PDB file of all heavy atoms in Angstrom:
ATOM      1  N   ARG A   1      18.339  -3.660 -33.002  1.00  0.00           N
ATOM      2  CA  ARG A   1      17.593  -2.448 -33.326  1.00  0.00           C
ATOM      3  C   ARG A   1      16.116  -2.571 -32.978  1.00  0.00           C
ATOM      4  O   ARG A   1      15.422  -1.578 -32.807  1.00  0.00           O
ATOM      5  CB  ARG A   1      17.752  -2.114 -34.814  1.00  0.00           C
ATOM      6  CG  ARG A   1      19.164  -1.698 -35.193  1.00  0.00           C
ATOM      7  CD  ARG A   1      19.260  -1.313 -36.661  1.00  0.00           C
ATOM      8  NE  ARG A   1      20.596  -0.852 -36.988  1.00  0.00           N
ATOM      9  CZ  ARG A   1      21.576  -1.661 -37.379  1.00  0.00           C
ATOM     10  NH1 ARG A   1      21.334  -2.952 -37.490  1.00  0.00           N
ATOM     11  NH2 ARG A   1      22.769  -1.183 -37.634  1.00  0.00           N
ATOM     12  N   GLU A   2      15.636  -3.789 -32.877  1.00  0.00           N
ATOM     13  CA  GLU A   2      14.209  -4.030 -32.673  1.00  0.00           C
ATOM     14  C   GLU A   2      13.764  -3.780 -31.235  1.00  0.00           C
ATOM     15  O   GLU A   2      14.502  -4.078 -30.282  1.00  0.00           O
ATOM     16  CB  GLU A   2      13.857  -5.470 -33.044  1.00  0.00           C
ATOM     17  CG  GLU A   2      13.795  -5.740 -34.539  1.00  0.00           C
ATOM     18  CD  GLU A   2      15.152  -5.752 -35.197  1.00  0.00           C
ATOM     19  OE1 GLU A   2      16.176  -5.802 -34.482  1.00  0.00           O
ATOM     20  OE2 GLU A   2      15.210  -5.713 -36.435  1.00  0.00           O
ATOM     21  N   LEU A   3      12.552  -3.251 -31.081  1.00  0.00           N
ATOM     22  CA  LEU A   3      11.868  -3.224 -29.797  1.00  0.00           C
ATOM     23  C   LEU A   3      11.425  -4.652 -29.486  1.00  0.00           C
ATOM     24  O   LEU A   3      10.864  -5.332 -30.354  1.00  0.00           O
ATOM     25  CB  LEU A   3      10.651  -2.313 -29.880  1.00  0.00           C
ATOM     26  CG  LEU A   3       9.704  -2.306 -28.674  1.00  0.00           C
ATOM     27  CD1 LEU A   3      10.297  -1.490 -27.540  1.00  0.00           C
ATOM     28  CD2 LEU A   3       8.335  -1.740 -29.064  1.00  0.00           C
ATOM     29  N   GLU A   4      11.689  -5.130 -28.287  1.00  0.00           N
ATOM     30  CA  GLU A   4      11.322  -6.505 -27.929  1.00  0.00           C
ATOM     31  C   GLU A   4      10.337  -6.502 -26.768  1.00  0.00           C
ATOM     32  O   GLU A   4      10.551  -5.844 -25.750  1.00  0.00           O
ATOM     33  CB  GLU A   4      12.557  -7.321 -27.550  1.00  0.00           C
ATOM     34  CG  GLU A   4      12.240  -8.755 -27.174  1.00  0.00           C
ATOM     35  CD  GLU A   4      13.491  -9.622 -26.987  1.00  0.00           C
ATOM     36  OE1 GLU A   4      14.508  -9.347 -27.655  1.00  0.00           O
ATOM     37  OE2 GLU A   4      13.455 -10.551 -26.171  1.00  0.00           O
ATOM     38  N   ILE A   5       9.276  -7.235 -26.944  1.00  0.00           N
ATOM     39  CA  ILE A   5       8.289  -7.423 -25.881  1.00  0.00           C
ATOM     40  C   ILE A   5       8.033  -8.916 -25.774  1.00  0.00           C
ATOM     41  O   ILE A   5       7.966  -9.618 -26.780  1.00  0.00           O
ATOM     42  CB  ILE A   5       6.991  -6.639 -26.158  1.00  0.00           C
ATOM     43  CG1 ILE A   5       6.007  -6.789 -24.989  1.00  0.00           C
ATOM     44  CG2 ILE A   5       6.359  -7.041 -27.474  1.00  0.00           C
ATOM     45  CD1 ILE A   5       4.817  -5.848 -25.086  1.00  0.00           C
ATOM     46  N   GLY A   6       7.952  -9.432 -24.546  1.00  0.00           N
ATOM     47  CA  GLY A   6       7.802 -10.872 -24.373  1.00  0.00           C
ATOM     48  C   GLY A   6       6.894 -11.218 -23.210  1.00  0.00           C
ATOM     49  O   GLY A   6       6.806 -10.474 -22.224  1.00  0.00           O
ATOM     50  N   TYR A   7       6.228 -12.340 -23.342  1.00  0.00           N
ATOM     51  CA  TYR A   7       5.339 -12.859 -22.300  1.00  0.00           C
ATOM     52  C   TYR A   7       5.965 -14.117 -21.725  1.00  0.00           C
ATOM     53  O   TYR A   7       6.401 -15.009 -22.466  1.00  0.00           O
ATOM     54  CB  TYR A   7       3.966 -13.181 -22.897  1.00  0.00           C
ATOM     55  CG  TYR A   7       2.979 -13.761 -21.905  1.00  0.00           C
ATOM     56  CD1 TYR A   7       2.295 -12.936 -21.024  1.00  0.00           C
ATOM     57  CD2 TYR A   7       2.732 -15.131 -21.854  1.00  0.00           C
ATOM     58  CE1 TYR A   7       1.383 -13.454 -20.120  1.00  0.00           C
ATOM     59  CE2 TYR A   7       1.823 -15.662 -20.956  1.00  0.00           C
ATOM     60  CZ  TYR A   7       1.154 -14.821 -20.086  1.00  0.00           C
ATOM     61  OH  TYR A   7       0.259 -15.341 -19.190  1.00  0.00           O
ATOM     62  N   VAL A   8       6.036 -14.206 -20.392  1.00  0.00           N
ATOM     63  CA  VAL A   8       6.640 -15.361 -19.720  1.00  0.00           C
ATOM     64  C   VAL A   8       5.575 -16.438 -19.546  1.00  0.00           C
ATOM     65  O   VAL A   8       4.654 -16.293 -18.738  1.00  0.00           O
ATOM     66  CB  VAL A   8       7.248 -14.967 -18.363  1.00  0.00           C
ATOM     67  CG1 VAL A   8       7.957 -16.174 -17.745  1.00  0.00           C
ATOM     68  CG2 VAL A   8       8.224 -13.811 -18.518  1.00  0.00           C
ATOM     69  N   LEU A   9       5.717 -17.516 -20.298  1.00  0.00           N
ATOM     70  CA  LEU A   9       4.753 -18.619 -20.226  1.00  0.00           C
ATOM     71  C   LEU A   9       4.992 -19.510 -19.018  1.00  0.00           C
ATOM     72  O   LEU A   9       4.052 -20.084 -18.465  1.00  0.00           O
ATOM     73  CB  LEU A   9       4.836 -19.457 -21.504  1.00  0.00           C
ATOM     74  CG  LEU A   9       4.375 -18.760 -22.789  1.00  0.00           C
ATOM     75  CD1 LEU A   9       4.865 -19.517 -24.004  1.00  0.00           C
ATOM     76  CD2 LEU A   9       2.865 -18.652 -22.802  1.00  0.00           C
ATOM     77  N   ASP A  10       6.251 -19.627 -18.611  1.00  0.00           N
ATOM     78  CA  ASP A  10       6.570 -20.502 -17.477  1.00  0.00           C
ATOM     79  C   ASP A  10       7.953 -20.159 -16.960  1.00  0.00           C
ATOM     80  O   ASP A  10       8.807 -19.643 -17.689  1.00  0.00           O
ATOM     81  CB  ASP A  10       6.530 -21.975 -17.919  1.00  0.00           C
ATOM     82  CG  ASP A  10       6.459 -22.934 -16.733  1.00  0.00           C
ATOM     83  OD1 ASP A  10       6.056 -22.490 -15.639  1.00  0.00           O
ATOM     84  OD2 ASP A  10       6.810 -24.116 -16.892  1.00  0.00           O
ATOM     85  N   GLY A  11       8.194 -20.468 -15.676  1.00  0.00           N
ATOM     86  CA  GLY A  11       9.509 -20.269 -15.084  1.00  0.00           C
ATOM     87  C   GLY A  11       9.748 -18.834 -14.653  1.00  0.00           C
ATOM     88  O   GLY A  11       8.829 -18.015 -14.547  1.00  0.00           O
ATOM     89  N   ALA A  12      11.017 -18.522 -14.420  1.00  0.00           N
ATOM     90  CA  ALA A  12      11.416 -17.189 -13.977  1.00  0.00           C
ATOM     91  C   ALA A  12      12.861 -16.942 -14.387  1.00  0.00           C
ATOM     92  O   ALA A  12      13.677 -17.875 -14.433  1.00  0.00           O
ATOM     93  CB  ALA A  12      11.272 -17.049 -12.457  1.00  0.00           C
ATOM     94  N   ILE A  13      13.171 -15.694 -14.676  1.00  0.00           N
ATOM     95  CA  ILE A  13      14.514 -15.329 -15.094  1.00  0.00           C
ATOM     96  C   ILE A  13      14.735 -13.855 -14.804  1.00  0.00           C
ATOM     97  O   ILE A  13      13.773 -13.082 -14.734  1.00  0.00           O
ATOM     98  CB  ILE A  13      14.719 -15.630 -16.610  1.00  0.00           C
ATOM     99  CG1 ILE A  13      16.199 -15.705 -16.972  1.00  0.00           C
ATOM    100  CG2 ILE A  13      13.972 -14.631 -17.475  1.00  0.00           C
ATOM    101  CD1 ILE A  13      16.452 -16.327 -18.333  1.00  0.00           C
ATOM    102  N   SER A  14      15.969 -13.469 -14.589  1.00  0.00           N
ATOM    103  CA  SER A  14      16.288 -12.060 -14.357  1.00  0.00           C
ATOM    104  C   SER A  14      16.652 -11.393 -15.677  1.00  0.00           C
ATOM    105  O   SER A  14      17.449 -11.924 -16.444  1.00  0.00           O
ATOM    106  CB  SER A  14      17.447 -11.917 -13.367  1.00  0.00           C
ATOM    107  OG  SER A  14      17.057 -12.319 -12.066  1.00  0.00           O
ATOM    108  N   LEU A  15      16.062 -10.242 -15.905  1.00  0.00           N
ATOM    109  CA  LEU A  15      16.368  -9.423 -17.072  1.00  0.00           C
ATOM    110  C   LEU A  15      17.191  -8.241 -16.603  1.00  0.00           C
ATOM    111  O   LEU A  15      16.771  -7.501 -15.710  1.00  0.00           O
ATOM    112  CB  LEU A  15      15.075  -8.942 -17.735  1.00  0.00           C
ATOM    113  CG  LEU A  15      15.192  -7.817 -18.768  1.00  0.00           C
ATOM    114  CD1 LEU A  15      16.021  -8.265 -19.972  1.00  0.00           C
ATOM    115  CD2 LEU A  15      13.810  -7.338 -19.202  1.00  0.00           C
ATOM    116  N   ARG A  16      18.362  -8.070 -17.194  1.00  0.00           N
ATOM    117  CA  ARG A  16      19.248  -6.995 -16.772  1.00  0.00           C
ATOM    118  C   ARG A  16      19.519  -6.046 -17.922  1.00  0.00           C
ATOM    119  O   ARG A  16      19.921  -6.462 -19.004  1.00  0.00           O
ATOM    120  CB  ARG A  16      20.574  -7.546 -16.268  1.00  0.00           C
ATOM    121  CG  ARG A  16      21.518  -6.436 -15.836  1.00  0.00           C
ATOM    122  CD  ARG A  16      22.839  -6.980 -15.363  1.00  0.00           C
ATOM    123  NE  ARG A  16      23.690  -5.892 -14.920  1.00  0.00           N
ATOM    124  CZ  ARG A  16      24.950  -5.725 -15.304  1.00  0.00           C
ATOM    125  NH1 ARG A  16      25.499  -6.550 -16.149  1.00  0.00           N
ATOM    126  NH2 ARG A  16      25.661  -4.712 -14.848  1.00  0.00           N
ATOM    127  N   THR A  17      19.249  -4.760 -17.700  1.00  0.00           N
ATOM    128  CA  THR A  17      19.678  -3.707 -18.593  1.00  0.00           C
ATOM    129  C   THR A  17      20.778  -2.927 -17.869  1.00  0.00           C
ATOM    130  O   THR A  17      21.118  -3.239 -16.725  1.00  0.00           O
ATOM    131  CB  THR A  17      18.514  -2.764 -18.951  1.00  0.00           C
ATOM    132  OG1 THR A  17      18.110  -2.047 -17.774  1.00  0.00           O
ATOM    133  CG2 THR A  17      17.326  -3.567 -19.491  1.00  0.00           C
ATOM    134  N   HIS A  18      21.323  -1.907 -18.516  1.00  0.00           N
ATOM    135  CA  HIS A  18      22.379  -1.146 -17.846  1.00  0.00           C
ATOM    136  C   HIS A  18      21.826  -0.307 -16.709  1.00  0.00           C
ATOM    137  O   HIS A  18      22.578   0.179 -15.865  1.00  0.00           O
ATOM    138  CB  HIS A  18      23.122  -0.265 -18.848  1.00  0.00           C
ATOM    139  CG  HIS A  18      22.361   0.945 -19.290  1.00  0.00           C
ATOM    140  ND1 HIS A  18      21.343   0.878 -20.219  1.00  0.00           N
ATOM    141  CD2 HIS A  18      22.459   2.254 -18.924  1.00  0.00           C
ATOM    142  CE1 HIS A  18      20.854   2.085 -20.409  1.00  0.00           C
ATOM    143  NE2 HIS A  18      21.497   2.934 -19.645  1.00  0.00           N
ATOM    144  N   GLN A  19      20.504  -0.145 -16.661  1.00  0.00           N
ATOM    145  CA  GLN A  19      19.903   0.687 -15.628  1.00  0.00           C
ATOM    146  C   GLN A  19      19.409  -0.107 -14.424  1.00  0.00           C
ATOM    147  O   GLN A  19      19.474   0.368 -13.294  1.00  0.00           O
ATOM    148  CB  GLN A  19      18.735   1.490 -16.217  1.00  0.00           C
ATOM    149  CG  GLN A  19      19.170   2.518 -17.250  1.00  0.00           C
ATOM    150  CD  GLN A  19      17.997   3.288 -17.803  1.00  0.00           C
ATOM    151  OE1 GLN A  19      16.910   2.755 -17.968  1.00  0.00           O
ATOM    152  NE2 GLN A  19      18.212   4.565 -18.101  1.00  0.00           N
ATOM    153  N   GLN A  20      18.923  -1.328 -14.646  1.00  0.00           N
ATOM    154  CA  GLN A  20      18.320  -2.072 -13.540  1.00  0.00           C
ATOM    155  C   GLN A  20      18.227  -3.553 -13.881  1.00  0.00           C
ATOM    156  O   GLN A  20      18.355  -3.964 -15.031  1.00  0.00           O
ATOM    157  CB  GLN A  20      16.933  -1.523 -13.221  1.00  0.00           C
ATOM    158  CG  GLN A  20      15.980  -1.490 -14.407  1.00  0.00           C
ATOM    159  CD  GLN A  20      14.693  -0.770 -14.079  1.00  0.00           C
ATOM    160  OE1 GLN A  20      14.082  -0.991 -13.040  1.00  0.00           O
ATOM    161  NE2 GLN A  20      14.269   0.115 -14.964  1.00  0.00           N
ATOM    162  N   THR A  21      18.018  -4.342 -12.831  1.00  0.00           N
ATOM    163  CA  THR A  21      17.790  -5.777 -12.970  1.00  0.00           C
ATOM    164  C   THR A  21      16.437  -6.102 -12.367  1.00  0.00           C
ATOM    165  O   THR A  21      16.154  -5.716 -11.227  1.00  0.00           O
ATOM    166  CB  THR A  21      18.890  -6.592 -12.257  1.00  0.00           C
ATOM    167  OG1 THR A  21      20.152  -6.287 -12.847  1.00  0.00           O
ATOM    168  CG2 THR A  21      18.627  -8.089 -12.399  1.00  0.00           C
ATOM    169  N   VAL A  22      15.593  -6.803 -13.116  1.00  0.00           N
ATOM    170  CA  VAL A  22      14.257  -7.147 -12.625  1.00  0.00           C
ATOM    171  C   VAL A  22      14.012  -8.634 -12.857  1.00  0.00           C
ATOM    172  O   VAL A  22      14.538  -9.230 -13.804  1.00  0.00           O
ATOM    173  CB  VAL A  22      13.156  -6.329 -13.329  1.00  0.00           C
ATOM    174  CG1 VAL A  22      13.316  -4.859 -13.037  1.00  0.00           C
ATOM    175  CG2 VAL A  22      13.148  -6.587 -14.829  1.00  0.00           C
ATOM    176  N   LEU A  23      13.238  -9.216 -11.970  1.00  0.00           N
ATOM    177  CA  LEU A  23      12.834 -10.609 -12.124  1.00  0.00           C
ATOM    178  C   LEU A  23      11.536 -10.645 -12.925  1.00  0.00           C
ATOM    179  O   LEU A  23      10.596  -9.916 -12.629  1.00  0.00           O
ATOM    180  CB  LEU A  23      12.620 -11.257 -10.760  1.00  0.00           C
ATOM    181  CG  LEU A  23      12.188 -12.732 -10.774  1.00  0.00           C
ATOM    182  CD1 LEU A  23      13.322 -13.612 -11.291  1.00  0.00           C
ATOM    183  CD2 LEU A  23      11.753 -13.175  -9.385  1.00  0.00           C
ATOM    184  N   ILE A  24      11.499 -11.498 -13.951  1.00  0.00           N
ATOM    185  CA  ILE A  24      10.265 -11.714 -14.692  1.00  0.00           C
ATOM    186  C   ILE A  24       9.864 -13.177 -14.510  1.00  0.00           C
ATOM    187  O   ILE A  24      10.662 -14.079 -14.689  1.00  0.00           O
ATOM    188  CB  ILE A  24      10.406 -11.349 -16.183  1.00  0.00           C
ATOM    189  CG1 ILE A  24      11.625 -12.030 -16.810  1.00  0.00           C
ATOM    190  CG2 ILE A  24      10.486  -9.844 -16.354  1.00  0.00           C
ATOM    191  CD1 ILE A  24      11.731 -11.824 -18.315  1.00  0.00           C
ATOM    192  N   SER A  25       8.608 -13.389 -14.126  1.00  0.00           N
ATOM    193  CA  SER A  25       8.103 -14.709 -13.806  1.00  0.00           C
ATOM    194  C   SER A  25       6.860 -15.014 -14.638  1.00  0.00           C
ATOM    195  O   SER A  25       6.385 -14.168 -15.398  1.00  0.00           O
ATOM    196  CB  SER A  25       7.776 -14.812 -12.308  1.00  0.00           C
ATOM    197  OG  SER A  25       8.887 -14.454 -11.514  1.00  0.00           O
ATOM    198  N   LYS A  26       6.335 -16.214 -14.467  1.00  0.00           N
ATOM    199  CA  LYS A  26       5.164 -16.655 -15.219  1.00  0.00           C
ATOM    200  C   LYS A  26       4.055 -15.616 -15.143  1.00  0.00           C
ATOM    201  O   LYS A  26       3.676 -15.172 -14.067  1.00  0.00           O
ATOM    202  CB  LYS A  26       4.669 -17.992 -14.677  1.00  0.00           C
ATOM    203  CG  LYS A  26       3.497 -18.580 -15.463  1.00  0.00           C
ATOM    204  CD  LYS A  26       3.125 -19.951 -14.939  1.00  0.00           C
ATOM    205  CE  LYS A  26       1.951 -20.544 -15.725  1.00  0.00           C
ATOM    206  NZ  LYS A  26       1.584 -21.899 -15.233  1.00  0.00           N
ATOM    207  N   GLY A  27       3.537 -15.229 -16.311  1.00  0.00           N
ATOM    208  CA  GLY A  27       2.484 -14.237 -16.367  1.00  0.00           C
ATOM    209  C   GLY A  27       2.964 -12.811 -16.520  1.00  0.00           C
ATOM    210  O   GLY A  27       2.149 -11.900 -16.687  1.00  0.00           O
ATOM    211  N   ASP A  28       4.277 -12.592 -16.469  1.00  0.00           N
ATOM    212  CA  ASP A  28       4.828 -11.245 -16.629  1.00  0.00           C
ATOM    213  C   ASP A  28       5.070 -10.937 -18.105  1.00  0.00           C
ATOM    214  O   ASP A  28       5.313 -11.833 -18.913  1.00  0.00           O
ATOM    215  CB  ASP A  28       6.151 -11.098 -15.876  1.00  0.00           C
ATOM    216  CG  ASP A  28       5.963 -11.068 -14.370  1.00  0.00           C
ATOM    217  OD1 ASP A  28       4.823 -10.840 -13.920  1.00  0.00           O
ATOM    218  OD2 ASP A  28       6.948 -11.285 -13.641  1.00  0.00           O
ATOM    219  N   VAL A  29       5.043  -9.660 -18.426  1.00  0.00           N
ATOM    220  CA  VAL A  29       5.408  -9.162 -19.754  1.00  0.00           C
ATOM    221  C   VAL A  29       6.581  -8.212 -19.583  1.00  0.00           C
ATOM    222  O   VAL A  29       6.555  -7.331 -18.719  1.00  0.00           O
ATOM    223  CB  VAL A  29       4.231  -8.425 -20.427  1.00  0.00           C
ATOM    224  CG1 VAL A  29       4.675  -7.823 -21.758  1.00  0.00           C
ATOM    225  CG2 VAL A  29       3.062  -9.375 -20.645  1.00  0.00           C
ATOM    226  N   TYR A  30       7.633  -8.400 -20.392  1.00  0.00           N
ATOM    227  CA  TYR A  30       8.803  -7.527 -20.306  1.00  0.00           C
ATOM    228  C   TYR A  30       8.938  -6.714 -21.583  1.00  0.00           C
ATOM    229  O   TYR A  30       8.421  -7.071 -22.638  1.00  0.00           O
ATOM    230  CB  TYR A  30      10.079  -8.337 -20.057  1.00  0.00           C
ATOM    231  CG  TYR A  30      10.525  -9.182 -21.226  1.00  0.00           C
ATOM    232  CD1 TYR A  30      11.363  -8.665 -22.215  1.00  0.00           C
ATOM    233  CD2 TYR A  30      10.099 -10.498 -21.364  1.00  0.00           C
ATOM    234  CE1 TYR A  30      11.770  -9.435 -23.297  1.00  0.00           C
ATOM    235  CE2 TYR A  30      10.500 -11.284 -22.433  1.00  0.00           C
ATOM    236  CZ  TYR A  30      11.340 -10.741 -23.397  1.00  0.00           C
ATOM    237  OH  TYR A  30      11.728 -11.502 -24.475  1.00  0.00           O
ATOM    238  N   LEU A  31       9.662  -5.603 -21.475  1.00  0.00           N
ATOM    239  CA  LEU A  31       9.873  -4.706 -22.610  1.00  0.00           C
ATOM    240  C   LEU A  31      11.326  -4.249 -22.631  1.00  0.00           C
ATOM    241  O   LEU A  31      11.860  -3.820 -21.612  1.00  0.00           O
ATOM    242  CB  LEU A  31       8.948  -3.492 -22.493  1.00  0.00           C
ATOM    243  CG  LEU A  31       9.118  -2.399 -23.543  1.00  0.00           C
ATOM    244  CD1 LEU A  31       8.682  -2.897 -24.915  1.00  0.00           C
ATOM    245  CD2 LEU A  31       8.326  -1.145 -23.154  1.00  0.00           C
ATOM    246  N   VAL A  32      11.959  -4.355 -23.790  1.00  0.00           N
ATOM    247  CA  VAL A  32      13.324  -3.879 -23.981  1.00  0.00           C
ATOM    248  C   VAL A  32      13.340  -2.971 -25.210  1.00  0.00           C
ATOM    249  O   VAL A  32      12.887  -3.363 -26.288  1.00  0.00           O
ATOM    250  CB  VAL A  32      14.316  -5.041 -24.191  1.00  0.00           C
ATOM    251  CG1 VAL A  32      15.721  -4.500 -24.444  1.00  0.00           C
ATOM    252  CG2 VAL A  32      14.328  -5.969 -22.979  1.00  0.00           C
ATOM    253  N   ASN A  33      13.857  -1.769 -25.049  1.00  0.00           N
ATOM    254  CA  ASN A  33      13.939  -0.836 -26.163  1.00  0.00           C
ATOM    255  C   ASN A  33      14.947  -1.293 -27.204  1.00  0.00           C
ATOM    256  O   ASN A  33      15.900  -2.025 -26.888  1.00  0.00           O
ATOM    257  CB  ASN A  33      14.354   0.555 -25.659  1.00  0.00           C
ATOM    258  CG  ASN A  33      13.243   1.269 -24.935  1.00  0.00           C
ATOM    259  OD1 ASN A  33      12.209   1.582 -25.509  1.00  0.00           O
ATOM    260  ND2 ASN A  33      13.450   1.532 -23.639  1.00  0.00           N
ATOM    261  N   GLY A  34      14.761  -0.846 -28.423  1.00  0.00           N
ATOM    262  CA  GLY A  34      15.759  -1.089 -29.442  1.00  0.00           C
ATOM    263  C   GLY A  34      17.068  -0.404 -29.097  1.00  0.00           C
ATOM    264  O   GLY A  34      17.080   0.661 -28.477  1.00  0.00           O
ATOM    265  N   MET A  35      18.188  -1.024 -29.452  1.00  0.00           N
ATOM    266  CA  MET A  35      19.531  -0.513 -29.177  1.00  0.00           C
ATOM    267  C   MET A  35      19.826  -0.415 -27.678  1.00  0.00           C
ATOM    268  O   MET A  35      20.663   0.362 -27.247  1.00  0.00           O
ATOM    269  CB  MET A  35      19.739   0.854 -29.835  1.00  0.00           C
ATOM    270  CG  MET A  35      19.512   0.868 -31.334  1.00  0.00           C
ATOM    271  SD  MET A  35      20.617  -0.247 -32.240  1.00  0.00           S
ATOM    272  CE  MET A  35      22.194   0.524 -31.946  1.00  0.00           C
ATOM    273  N   GLU A  36      19.142  -1.229 -26.877  1.00  0.00           N
ATOM    274  CA  GLU A  36      19.368  -1.239 -25.430  1.00  0.00           C
ATOM    275  C   GLU A  36      20.051  -2.547 -25.037  1.00  0.00           C
ATOM    276  O   GLU A  36      19.438  -3.616 -25.121  1.00  0.00           O
ATOM    277  CB  GLU A  36      18.051  -1.099 -24.672  1.00  0.00           C
ATOM    278  CG  GLU A  36      18.215  -1.062 -23.167  1.00  0.00           C
ATOM    279  CD  GLU A  36      16.906  -0.803 -22.437  1.00  0.00           C
ATOM    280  OE1 GLU A  36      15.837  -1.152 -22.981  1.00  0.00           O
ATOM    281  OE2 GLU A  36      16.955  -0.252 -21.332  1.00  0.00           O
ATOM    282  N   PRO A  37      21.316  -2.501 -24.612  1.00  0.00           N
ATOM    283  CA  PRO A  37      21.995  -3.741 -24.193  1.00  0.00           C
ATOM    284  C   PRO A  37      21.247  -4.400 -23.037  1.00  0.00           C
ATOM    285  O   PRO A  37      20.828  -3.741 -22.092  1.00  0.00           O
ATOM    286  CB  PRO A  37      23.382  -3.255 -23.748  1.00  0.00           C
ATOM    287  CG  PRO A  37      23.567  -1.945 -24.451  1.00  0.00           C
ATOM    288  CD  PRO A  37      22.196  -1.326 -24.513  1.00  0.00           C
TER     289      PRO A  37
END
């Protein structure tokens, strides 16, 4: 249920929602809505 926001301190990883897949790397900030798989 929570809104999630995160800062990438190191490395890289792909974040996938049902709408799109994006790469997040060192220095990036990601956002995921609550109730969003």
